[in-house]
Each structure stands twice: as structure tokens, then as C-alpha cells.
Amino acid sequence: MKTLSYLSKGMEVLRAFTIENCEWGVRELAEHLGYPRSTVQMLLRTLAETGLLIQTPNRRYRLGWGTFELAGVFLAQLELRKVALPVMENLADSIGEIVHLGVLDLGQVIYVEKVEGRKSIPLITRLGLRYPAHCTGIGKILLAHNREKYEMKLALTPLTSKTIVDMKTLQEELAQIQNEGVAYDREEAVIGLTCIAAPIRDYTGKVVAGISISAPTIRFMQREKQWAQMIRQAAEEISEEMGFFRNANVFRKS
């Protein structure tokens, strides 16, 4: 049990390293986690010895190459990402905008792939980034197919003046999304940016991910109908590669 306790604490130490806090000293990390300084120092040294952390010349700690290697192994074995990437690249080339691939975890979207088109605008999205599900296209499409599991646990924090912050309004939109098969983020995460997303299914028919197009609102409005058709088609193509056959009423493992 003691070993398990230290393993749990070690995981908390690793999770403390984020984009905003990519470097920690022993004392400040101990204060952040609420652990004794001696415990944090021991954990940091152990993680550094394994290569998961590195110690800088000023005796602070950063993520090490070991974490990069683990991330590489995870991404390499992620079938969804491998299957989706060629479809995403073709879509981004065709429309010139950003295409995202995301999954749902604890009511948040995790972006697992991103392809930029020739006209795409800079966005802070990156692989591994978490974003509130209720104000993103991918998040809404995934919530719509996992309503019982997530919707009552969501904190509807506003990111813009257009973010949905009323649960009843969100529930009504999720029901509509289920019927229509696409979800929209109309400047709910970033003012001036609109997204449309469609669901990706595995061989069992379960919605496991979402794919989206993100573009400046003014360009989106000009091609909304066309892009809705294209995002549906891209999602269906990826789903078929994952083993899902909508019209055949049969499933196969890919």
C-alpha cells in the first residue's frame, strides 16, 4: 500500500507539469501539492533518475525525454489517429482550413490530431490540449452521444459572450445534434471563429471521437452547407476504416 501511495503521489507530481507551469522548484511544488518538502524532493529525484524529469542547472525540474518517448509510443499505437490522419490531410488541403480530431475525457475534449490548411488562422490548439466540451464542435458532438454520462456533471463556464451557460439550452441543442448528425461552435470558444463537427464510430457503432473544421466566421458562412457535407463524409470515411458500416447492418473489426 505504501508503494501504491508513492506511485499515486508521483503521478500527481507529473501532472503538475503543464504548458503554464513547465518548470518547478522543490519548495514551490511542495506548496502547490500540499506535500512535505522532503517527500516532493524524493519524488522529483526518483522521477529524474528514470528520465521522466530532468534537473536544470538552477536545480529546478522539467519534463524529461522519457515522457516524450512514452508519448511517442502512445501516439504510434493510437489506431484512430493513424486512420484519421490521411482523411484529415485531404480535407484540410481541399478547404484550406484547420481540421481537428478529438476525443472526450471527463467532460473535456482532448485534441489528438490537428492539420492546418493553407488559409488557416493561428489557433492555440495542440496535441494533448484539453478544452471544455460544451463550447466546442467536437465536444458537443461527443456529448450528444454520451448525454447520460456527462451532461449533468458539466460546469458551463463561459469562454465568450456566446458560450451556452444554461443546462436546459445545452440539452436541447444536444438532442438536435443527435438528430442532425453535426454540431456547431458558433464563436462560443473564440470570437470570430466557427466550427462544425461530425461523429466518428468504431466497429460496434459507438461514437469514439469527433472531427471538425474550424474557420473564421465570415468564411464559414459562405461555405457552411458545403462544409457540413464534407465533414460528414470525412467522418463516415474514418468510421468505415474503423470497421463501421452504416448501411450494411453488419460490423467487422478493422
C-alpha atoms as a PDB file:
ATOM      1  CA  MET A   1       0.000   0.000   0.000  1.00  0.00           C
ATOM      2  CA  LYS A   2       2.909   2.324   0.752  1.00  0.00           C
ATOM      3  CA  THR A   3       4.338   1.704  -2.716  1.00  0.00           C
ATOM      4  CA  LEU A   4       0.953   2.456  -4.269  1.00  0.00           C
ATOM      5  CA  SER A   5       0.740   5.681  -2.267  1.00  0.00           C
ATOM      6  CA  TYR A   6       4.101   6.850  -3.572  1.00  0.00           C
ATOM      7  CA  LEU A   7       3.118   5.894  -7.115  1.00  0.00           C
ATOM      8  CA  SER A   8      -0.040   7.985  -6.787  1.00  0.00           C
ATOM      9  CA  LYS A   9       1.959  10.932  -5.456  1.00  0.00           C
ATOM     10  CA  GLY A  10       4.447  10.518  -8.299  1.00  0.00           C
ATOM     11  CA  MET A  11       1.607  10.765 -10.819  1.00  0.00           C
ATOM     12  CA  GLU A  12       0.416  13.961  -9.149  1.00  0.00           C
ATOM     13  CA  VAL A  13       3.907  15.386  -9.498  1.00  0.00           C
ATOM     14  CA  LEU A  14       3.979  14.604 -13.219  1.00  0.00           C
ATOM     15  CA  ARG A  15       0.507  16.083 -13.768  1.00  0.00           C
ATOM     16  CA  ALA A  16       1.689  19.332 -12.174  1.00  0.00           C
ATOM     17  CA  PHE A  17       3.876  19.972 -15.238  1.00  0.00           C
ATOM     18  CA  THR A  18       1.730  21.874 -17.734  1.00  0.00           C
ATOM     19  CA  ILE A  19       2.229  24.425 -20.506  1.00  0.00           C
ATOM     20  CA  GLU A  20       1.604  27.183 -17.969  1.00  0.00           C
ATOM     21  CA  ASN A  21       3.822  25.600 -15.294  1.00  0.00           C
ATOM     22  CA  CYS A  22       6.509  23.708 -17.177  1.00  0.00           C
ATOM     23  CA  GLU A  23       9.202  24.095 -14.516  1.00  0.00           C
ATOM     24  CA  TRP A  24       9.084  23.615 -10.732  1.00  0.00           C
ATOM     25  CA  GLY A  25      11.385  24.041  -7.761  1.00  0.00           C
ATOM     26  CA  VAL A  26      11.093  21.676  -4.804  1.00  0.00           C
ATOM     27  CA  ARG A  27       9.655  24.211  -2.377  1.00  0.00           C
ATOM     28  CA  GLU A  28       7.044  25.709  -4.698  1.00  0.00           C
ATOM     29  CA  LEU A  29       5.881  22.294  -5.904  1.00  0.00           C
ATOM     30  CA  ALA A  30       5.546  21.094  -2.314  1.00  0.00           C
ATOM     31  CA  GLU A  31       3.387  24.129  -1.541  1.00  0.00           C
ATOM     32  CA  HIS A  32       1.344  23.576  -4.708  1.00  0.00           C
ATOM     33  CA  LEU A  33       0.648  19.909  -3.910  1.00  0.00           C
ATOM     34  CA  GLY A  34       0.405  20.278  -0.145  1.00  0.00           C
ATOM     35  CA  TYR A  35       3.042  17.587   0.493  1.00  0.00           C
ATOM     36  CA  PRO A  36       6.093  17.736   2.806  1.00  0.00           C
ATOM     37  CA  ARG A  37       9.134  19.175   1.093  1.00  0.00           C
ATOM     38  CA  SER A  38      11.162  16.034   1.812  1.00  0.00           C
ATOM     39  CA  THR A  39       8.526  13.866   0.089  1.00  0.00           C
ATOM     40  CA  VAL A  40       8.442  16.041  -3.017  1.00  0.00           C
ATOM     41  CA  GLN A  41      12.216  16.170  -3.170  1.00  0.00           C
ATOM     42  CA  MET A  42      12.402  12.368  -3.044  1.00  0.00           C
ATOM     43  CA  LEU A  43       9.749  12.011  -5.745  1.00  0.00           C
ATOM     44  CA  LEU A  44      11.442  14.531  -8.034  1.00  0.00           C
ATOM     45  CA  ARG A  45      14.814  12.825  -7.671  1.00  0.00           C
ATOM     46  CA  THR A  46      13.313   9.398  -8.390  1.00  0.00           C
ATOM     47  CA  LEU A  47      11.477  10.642 -11.481  1.00  0.00           C
ATOM     48  CA  ALA A  48      14.665  12.347 -12.686  1.00  0.00           C
ATOM     49  CA  GLU A  49      16.606   9.088 -12.276  1.00  0.00           C
ATOM     50  CA  THR A  50      14.100   7.311 -14.526  1.00  0.00           C
ATOM     51  CA  GLY A  51      14.369  10.019 -17.190  1.00  0.00           C
ATOM     52  CA  LEU A  52      10.806  11.238 -16.799  1.00  0.00           C
ATOM     53  CA  LEU A  53      12.145  14.527 -15.399  1.00  0.00           C
ATOM     54  CA  ILE A  54      15.383  16.447 -15.814  1.00  0.00           C
ATOM     55  CA  GLN A  55      17.037  18.834 -13.376  1.00  0.00           C
ATOM     56  CA  THR A  56      18.105  22.200 -14.761  1.00  0.00           C
ATOM     57  CA  PRO A  57      21.374  23.956 -13.818  1.00  0.00           C
ATOM     58  CA  ASN A  58      19.441  26.142 -11.350  1.00  0.00           C
ATOM     59  CA  ARG A  59      18.191  22.974  -9.564  1.00  0.00           C
ATOM     60  CA  ARG A  60      14.645  23.166 -10.876  1.00  0.00           C
ATOM     61  CA  TYR A  61      12.824  20.371 -12.683  1.00  0.00           C
ATOM     62  CA  ARG A  62      11.282  19.978 -16.128  1.00  0.00           C
ATOM     63  CA  LEU A  63       9.749  17.054 -18.028  1.00  0.00           C
ATOM     64  CA  GLY A  64      12.438  14.774 -19.426  1.00  0.00           C
ATOM     65  CA  TRP A  65      12.916  12.840 -22.638  1.00  0.00           C
ATOM     66  CA  GLY A  66      11.347   9.792 -21.021  1.00  0.00           C
ATOM     67  CA  THR A  67       7.917  11.424 -21.143  1.00  0.00           C
ATOM     68  CA  PHE A  68       8.467  12.307 -24.806  1.00  0.00           C
ATOM     69  CA  GLU A  69       9.304   8.676 -25.575  1.00  0.00           C
ATOM     70  CA  LEU A  70       6.166   7.446 -23.809  1.00  0.00           C
ATOM     71  CA  ALA A  71       4.031   9.976 -25.683  1.00  0.00           C
ATOM     72  CA  GLY A  72       5.557   8.807 -28.961  1.00  0.00           C
ATOM     73  CA  VAL A  73       4.713   5.184 -28.210  1.00  0.00           C
ATOM     74  CA  PHE A  74       1.145   6.124 -27.258  1.00  0.00           C
ATOM     75  CA  LEU A  75       0.577   8.160 -30.421  1.00  0.00           C
ATOM     76  CA  ALA A  76       2.140   5.492 -32.622  1.00  0.00           C
ATOM     77  CA  GLN A  77      -0.258   2.828 -31.344  1.00  0.00           C
ATOM     78  CA  LEU A  78      -3.339   5.010 -31.470  1.00  0.00           C
ATOM     79  CA  GLU A  79      -5.268   3.413 -34.331  1.00  0.00           C
ATOM     80  CA  LEU A  80      -7.780   6.235 -34.512  1.00  0.00           C
ATOM     81  CA  ARG A  81      -5.079   8.808 -35.181  1.00  0.00           C
ATOM     82  CA  LYS A  82      -3.350   6.684 -37.826  1.00  0.00           C
ATOM     83  CA  VAL A  83      -6.610   6.001 -39.635  1.00  0.00           C
ATOM     84  CA  ALA A  84      -7.875   9.590 -39.453  1.00  0.00           C
ATOM     85  CA  LEU A  85      -4.730  11.472 -40.467  1.00  0.00           C
ATOM     86  CA  PRO A  86      -4.864  10.850 -44.254  1.00  0.00           C
ATOM     87  CA  VAL A  87      -8.549  11.823 -44.336  1.00  0.00           C
ATOM     88  CA  MET A  88      -7.813  14.970 -42.316  1.00  0.00           C
ATOM     89  CA  GLU A  89      -4.953  15.932 -44.615  1.00  0.00           C
ATOM     90  CA  ASN A  90      -7.143  15.570 -47.713  1.00  0.00           C
ATOM     91  CA  LEU A  91      -9.898  17.635 -46.105  1.00  0.00           C
ATOM     92  CA  ALA A  92      -7.510  20.385 -44.983  1.00  0.00           C
ATOM     93  CA  ASP A  93      -5.977  20.510 -48.475  1.00  0.00           C
ATOM     94  CA  SER A  94      -9.414  20.790 -50.063  1.00  0.00           C
ATOM     95  CA  ILE A  95     -10.790  23.591 -47.903  1.00  0.00           C
ATOM     96  CA  GLY A  96      -7.607  25.309 -46.711  1.00  0.00           C
ATOM     97  CA  GLU A  97      -8.769  25.455 -43.082  1.00  0.00           C
ATOM     98  CA  ILE A  98      -7.870  23.738 -39.793  1.00  0.00           C
ATOM     99  CA  VAL A  99      -9.127  20.200 -39.190  1.00  0.00           C
ATOM    100  CA  HIS A 100      -9.151  18.756 -35.668  1.00  0.00           C
ATOM    101  CA  LEU A 101      -9.576  15.247 -34.275  1.00  0.00           C
ATOM    102  CA  GLY A 102     -10.647  14.917 -30.649  1.00  0.00           C
ATOM    103  CA  VAL A 103     -11.890  12.506 -28.003  1.00  0.00           C
ATOM    104  CA  LEU A 104     -13.914  13.033 -24.825  1.00  0.00           C
ATOM    105  CA  ASP A 105     -12.486  12.583 -21.332  1.00  0.00           C
ATOM    106  CA  LEU A 106     -14.130  13.713 -18.080  1.00  0.00           C
ATOM    107  CA  GLY A 107     -16.345  16.188 -19.893  1.00  0.00           C
ATOM    108  CA  GLN A 108     -13.449  17.756 -21.788  1.00  0.00           C
ATOM    109  CA  VAL A 109     -12.183  17.446 -25.344  1.00  0.00           C
ATOM    110  CA  ILE A 110      -8.633  16.188 -25.826  1.00  0.00           C
ATOM    111  CA  TYR A 111      -7.201  17.066 -29.237  1.00  0.00           C
ATOM    112  CA  VAL A 112      -5.279  14.063 -30.594  1.00  0.00           C
ATOM    113  CA  GLU A 113      -4.524  15.391 -34.094  1.00  0.00           C
ATOM    114  CA  LYS A 114      -4.526  18.708 -35.920  1.00  0.00           C
ATOM    115  CA  VAL A 115      -3.922  19.507 -39.602  1.00  0.00           C
ATOM    116  CA  GLU A 116      -3.614  23.092 -40.835  1.00  0.00           C
ATOM    117  CA  GLY A 117      -4.689  24.203 -44.283  1.00  0.00           C
ATOM    118  CA  ARG A 118      -3.097  26.900 -46.419  1.00  0.00           C
ATOM    119  CA  LYS A 119      -5.570  29.588 -45.259  1.00  0.00           C
ATOM    120  CA  SER A 120      -5.934  28.515 -41.634  1.00  0.00           C
ATOM    121  CA  ILE A 121      -5.597  31.095 -38.891  1.00  0.00           C
ATOM    122  CA  PRO A 122      -3.304  30.578 -35.864  1.00  0.00           C
ATOM    123  CA  LEU A 123      -5.012  28.743 -33.001  1.00  0.00           C
ATOM    124  CA  ILE A 124      -3.658  27.695 -29.607  1.00  0.00           C
ATOM    125  CA  THR A 125      -4.903  24.146 -30.111  1.00  0.00           C
ATOM    126  CA  ARG A 126      -2.224  21.460 -29.976  1.00  0.00           C
ATOM    127  CA  LEU A 127      -1.974  17.717 -29.459  1.00  0.00           C
ATOM    128  CA  GLY A 128      -2.940  16.840 -25.901  1.00  0.00           C
ATOM    129  CA  LEU A 129      -4.725  20.129 -25.211  1.00  0.00           C
ATOM    130  CA  ARG A 130      -7.906  19.863 -23.135  1.00  0.00           C
ATOM    131  CA  TYR A 131     -10.837  22.178 -23.815  1.00  0.00           C
ATOM    132  CA  PRO A 132     -14.322  22.467 -22.274  1.00  0.00           C
ATOM    133  CA  ALA A 133     -16.641  20.219 -24.263  1.00  0.00           C
ATOM    134  CA  HIS A 134     -19.759  22.378 -24.030  1.00  0.00           C
ATOM    135  CA  CYS A 135     -18.339  25.172 -26.189  1.00  0.00           C
ATOM    136  CA  THR A 136     -16.596  23.232 -28.972  1.00  0.00           C
ATOM    137  CA  GLY A 137     -17.955  21.464 -32.017  1.00  0.00           C
ATOM    138  CA  ILE A 138     -16.174  18.201 -31.262  1.00  0.00           C
ATOM    139  CA  GLY A 139     -17.161  18.437 -27.615  1.00  0.00           C
ATOM    140  CA  LYS A 140     -20.831  18.878 -28.430  1.00  0.00           C
ATOM    141  CA  ILE A 141     -20.921  16.027 -30.938  1.00  0.00           C
ATOM    142  CA  LEU A 142     -19.390  13.717 -28.324  1.00  0.00           C
ATOM    143  CA  LEU A 143     -21.601  14.956 -25.506  1.00  0.00           C
ATOM    144  CA  ALA A 144     -24.658  14.404 -27.694  1.00  0.00           C
ATOM    145  CA  HIS A 145     -23.827  10.698 -27.831  1.00  0.00           C
ATOM    146  CA  ASN A 146     -22.867  10.452 -24.145  1.00  0.00           C
ATOM    147  CA  ARG A 147     -25.573  12.618 -22.606  1.00  0.00           C
ATOM    148  CA  GLU A 148     -26.473  10.453 -19.622  1.00  0.00           C
ATOM    149  CA  LYS A 149     -22.841  10.119 -18.624  1.00  0.00           C
ATOM    150  CA  TYR A 150     -21.753  13.750 -18.841  1.00  0.00           C
ATOM    151  CA  GLU A 151     -24.328  16.474 -19.236  1.00  0.00           C
ATOM    152  CA  MET A 152     -25.389  16.812 -15.584  1.00  0.00           C
ATOM    153  CA  LYS A 153     -21.748  16.966 -14.417  1.00  0.00           C
ATOM    154  CA  LEU A 154     -20.625  19.794 -16.681  1.00  0.00           C
ATOM    155  CA  ALA A 155     -19.530  23.174 -15.392  1.00  0.00           C
ATOM    156  CA  LEU A 156     -20.786  25.523 -18.108  1.00  0.00           C
ATOM    157  CA  THR A 157     -18.018  28.091 -17.807  1.00  0.00           C
ATOM    158  CA  PRO A 158     -18.328  30.901 -20.384  1.00  0.00           C
ATOM    159  CA  LEU A 159     -15.350  31.477 -22.680  1.00  0.00           C
ATOM    160  CA  THR A 160     -17.085  34.140 -24.783  1.00  0.00           C
ATOM    161  CA  SER A 161     -20.342  36.054 -24.662  1.00  0.00           C
ATOM    162  CA  LYS A 162     -21.843  33.379 -26.949  1.00  0.00           C
ATOM    163  CA  THR A 163     -20.982  30.350 -24.813  1.00  0.00           C
ATOM    164  CA  ILE A 164     -24.001  28.323 -23.692  1.00  0.00           C
ATOM    165  CA  VAL A 165     -24.207  28.571 -19.891  1.00  0.00           C
ATOM    166  CA  ASP A 166     -27.759  27.255 -19.361  1.00  0.00           C
ATOM    167  CA  MET A 167     -28.082  23.486 -18.986  1.00  0.00           C
ATOM    168  CA  LYS A 168     -31.577  23.316 -20.482  1.00  0.00           C
ATOM    169  CA  THR A 169     -30.400  25.179 -23.591  1.00  0.00           C
ATOM    170  CA  LEU A 170     -27.441  22.819 -23.922  1.00  0.00           C
ATOM    171  CA  GLN A 171     -29.643  19.755 -23.503  1.00  0.00           C
ATOM    172  CA  GLU A 172     -31.963  20.963 -26.258  1.00  0.00           C
ATOM    173  CA  GLU A 173     -29.023  21.562 -28.576  1.00  0.00           C
ATOM    174  CA  LEU A 174     -27.514  18.144 -27.841  1.00  0.00           C
ATOM    175  CA  ALA A 175     -30.823  16.482 -28.727  1.00  0.00           C
ATOM    176  CA  GLN A 176     -30.870  18.389 -32.009  1.00  0.00           C
ATOM    177  CA  ILE A 177     -27.269  17.397 -32.716  1.00  0.00           C
ATOM    178  CA  GLN A 178     -28.134  13.731 -32.264  1.00  0.00           C
ATOM    179  CA  ASN A 179     -30.845  14.055 -34.892  1.00  0.00           C
ATOM    180  CA  GLU A 180     -28.873  16.145 -37.396  1.00  0.00           C
ATOM    181  CA  GLY A 181     -25.512  14.398 -37.095  1.00  0.00           C
ATOM    182  CA  VAL A 182     -23.385  17.562 -36.909  1.00  0.00           C
ATOM    183  CA  ALA A 183     -22.540  20.041 -34.157  1.00  0.00           C
ATOM    184  CA  TYR A 184     -21.614  23.720 -34.332  1.00  0.00           C
ATOM    185  CA  ASP A 185     -19.487  26.017 -32.232  1.00  0.00           C
ATOM    186  CA  ARG A 186     -20.613  29.470 -33.307  1.00  0.00           C
ATOM    187  CA  GLU A 187     -17.996  31.706 -31.691  1.00  0.00           C
ATOM    188  CA  GLU A 188     -18.611  30.001 -28.342  1.00  0.00           C
ATOM    189  CA  ALA A 189     -14.922  29.273 -27.693  1.00  0.00           C
ATOM    190  CA  VAL A 190     -13.244  32.047 -29.706  1.00  0.00           C
ATOM    191  CA  ILE A 191     -14.941  35.177 -31.037  1.00  0.00           C
ATOM    192  CA  GLY A 192     -14.697  35.273 -34.828  1.00  0.00           C
ATOM    193  CA  LEU A 193     -14.218  31.502 -35.137  1.00  0.00           C
ATOM    194  CA  THR A 194     -16.880  28.967 -36.130  1.00  0.00           C
ATOM    195  CA  CYS A 195     -16.536  25.173 -36.140  1.00  0.00           C
ATOM    196  CA  ILE A 196     -18.555  22.249 -37.411  1.00  0.00           C
ATOM    197  CA  ALA A 197     -18.014  18.673 -36.224  1.00  0.00           C
ATOM    198  CA  ALA A 198     -19.241  15.165 -37.030  1.00  0.00           C
ATOM    199  CA  PRO A 199     -19.019  11.872 -35.081  1.00  0.00           C
ATOM    200  CA  ILE A 200     -16.606   9.018 -35.713  1.00  0.00           C
ATOM    201  CA  ARG A 201     -17.771   5.494 -34.826  1.00  0.00           C
ATOM    202  CA  ASP A 202     -15.853   2.302 -34.164  1.00  0.00           C
ATOM    203  CA  TYR A 203     -16.807  -1.166 -35.463  1.00  0.00           C
ATOM    204  CA  THR A 204     -19.500  -1.523 -32.776  1.00  0.00           C
ATOM    205  CA  GLY A 205     -21.212   1.689 -33.829  1.00  0.00           C
ATOM    206  CA  LYS A 206     -20.120   3.549 -30.700  1.00  0.00           C
ATOM    207  CA  VAL A 207     -19.122   7.206 -31.154  1.00  0.00           C
ATOM    208  CA  VAL A 208     -15.478   7.308 -30.076  1.00  0.00           C
ATOM    209  CA  ALA A 209     -14.222  10.612 -31.491  1.00  0.00           C
ATOM    210  CA  GLY A 210     -15.130  13.696 -33.457  1.00  0.00           C
ATOM    211  CA  ILE A 211     -13.653  15.522 -36.441  1.00  0.00           C
ATOM    212  CA  SER A 212     -14.147  19.235 -37.082  1.00  0.00           C
ATOM    213  CA  ILE A 213     -13.448  22.123 -39.415  1.00  0.00           C
ATOM    214  CA  SER A 214     -12.501  25.451 -37.799  1.00  0.00           C
ATOM    215  CA  ALA A 215     -12.543  28.676 -39.808  1.00  0.00           C
ATOM    216  CA  PRO A 216     -13.139  32.413 -39.477  1.00  0.00           C
ATOM    217  CA  THR A 217     -16.871  33.005 -39.224  1.00  0.00           C
ATOM    218  CA  ILE A 218     -17.009  35.145 -42.347  1.00  0.00           C
ATOM    219  CA  ARG A 219     -15.504  32.354 -44.472  1.00  0.00           C
ATOM    220  CA  PHE A 220     -17.577  29.695 -42.734  1.00  0.00           C
ATOM    221  CA  MET A 221     -20.857  31.433 -43.523  1.00  0.00           C
ATOM    222  CA  GLN A 222     -20.007  31.425 -47.224  1.00  0.00           C
ATOM    223  CA  ARG A 223     -19.443  27.652 -47.371  1.00  0.00           C
ATOM    224  CA  GLU A 224     -21.446  26.267 -44.442  1.00  0.00           C
ATOM    225  CA  LYS A 225     -23.654  23.908 -46.449  1.00  0.00           C
ATOM    226  CA  GLN A 226     -20.738  22.521 -48.457  1.00  0.00           C
ATOM    227  CA  TRP A 227     -18.546  22.039 -45.391  1.00  0.00           C
ATOM    228  CA  ALA A 228     -21.356  20.301 -43.495  1.00  0.00           C
ATOM    229  CA  GLN A 229     -21.475  17.720 -46.269  1.00  0.00           C
ATOM    230  CA  MET A 230     -17.684  17.400 -46.364  1.00  0.00           C
ATOM    231  CA  ILE A 231     -17.278  16.911 -42.597  1.00  0.00           C
ATOM    232  CA  ARG A 232     -19.992  14.232 -42.606  1.00  0.00           C
ATOM    233  CA  GLN A 233     -18.261  12.472 -45.469  1.00  0.00           C
ATOM    234  CA  ALA A 234     -14.866  12.634 -43.742  1.00  0.00           C
ATOM    235  CA  ALA A 235     -16.317  11.243 -40.506  1.00  0.00           C
ATOM    236  CA  GLU A 236     -18.029   8.415 -42.371  1.00  0.00           C
ATOM    237  CA  GLU A 237     -14.820   7.553 -44.224  1.00  0.00           C
ATOM    238  CA  ILE A 238     -12.853   7.319 -40.979  1.00  0.00           C
ATOM    239  CA  SER A 239     -15.656   5.319 -39.345  1.00  0.00           C
ATOM    240  CA  GLU A 240     -15.603   2.818 -42.203  1.00  0.00           C
ATOM    241  CA  GLU A 241     -11.842   2.449 -41.817  1.00  0.00           C
ATOM    242  CA  MET A 242     -12.501   1.736 -38.120  1.00  0.00           C
ATOM    243  CA  GLY A 243     -14.864  -1.067 -39.192  1.00  0.00           C
ATOM    244  CA  PHE A 244     -18.261   0.635 -39.068  1.00  0.00           C
ATOM    245  CA  PHE A 245     -20.753   0.075 -41.876  1.00  0.00           C
ATOM    246  CA  ARG A 246     -23.814   2.297 -41.547  1.00  0.00           C
ATOM    247  CA  ASN A 247     -25.876   0.789 -44.343  1.00  0.00           C
ATOM    248  CA  ALA A 248     -24.874  -2.858 -44.167  1.00  0.00           C
ATOM    249  CA  ASN A 249     -26.189  -3.573 -40.686  1.00  0.00           C
ATOM    250  CA  VAL A 250     -23.073  -5.616 -40.054  1.00  0.00           C
ATOM    251  CA  PHE A 251     -19.807  -4.891 -38.303  1.00  0.00           C
ATOM    252  CA  ARG A 252     -16.309  -6.038 -38.829  1.00  0.00           C
ATOM    253  CA  LYS A 253     -13.063  -5.403 -36.971  1.00  0.00           C
ATOM    254  CA  SER A 254     -10.589  -3.404 -38.980  1.00  0.00           C
END
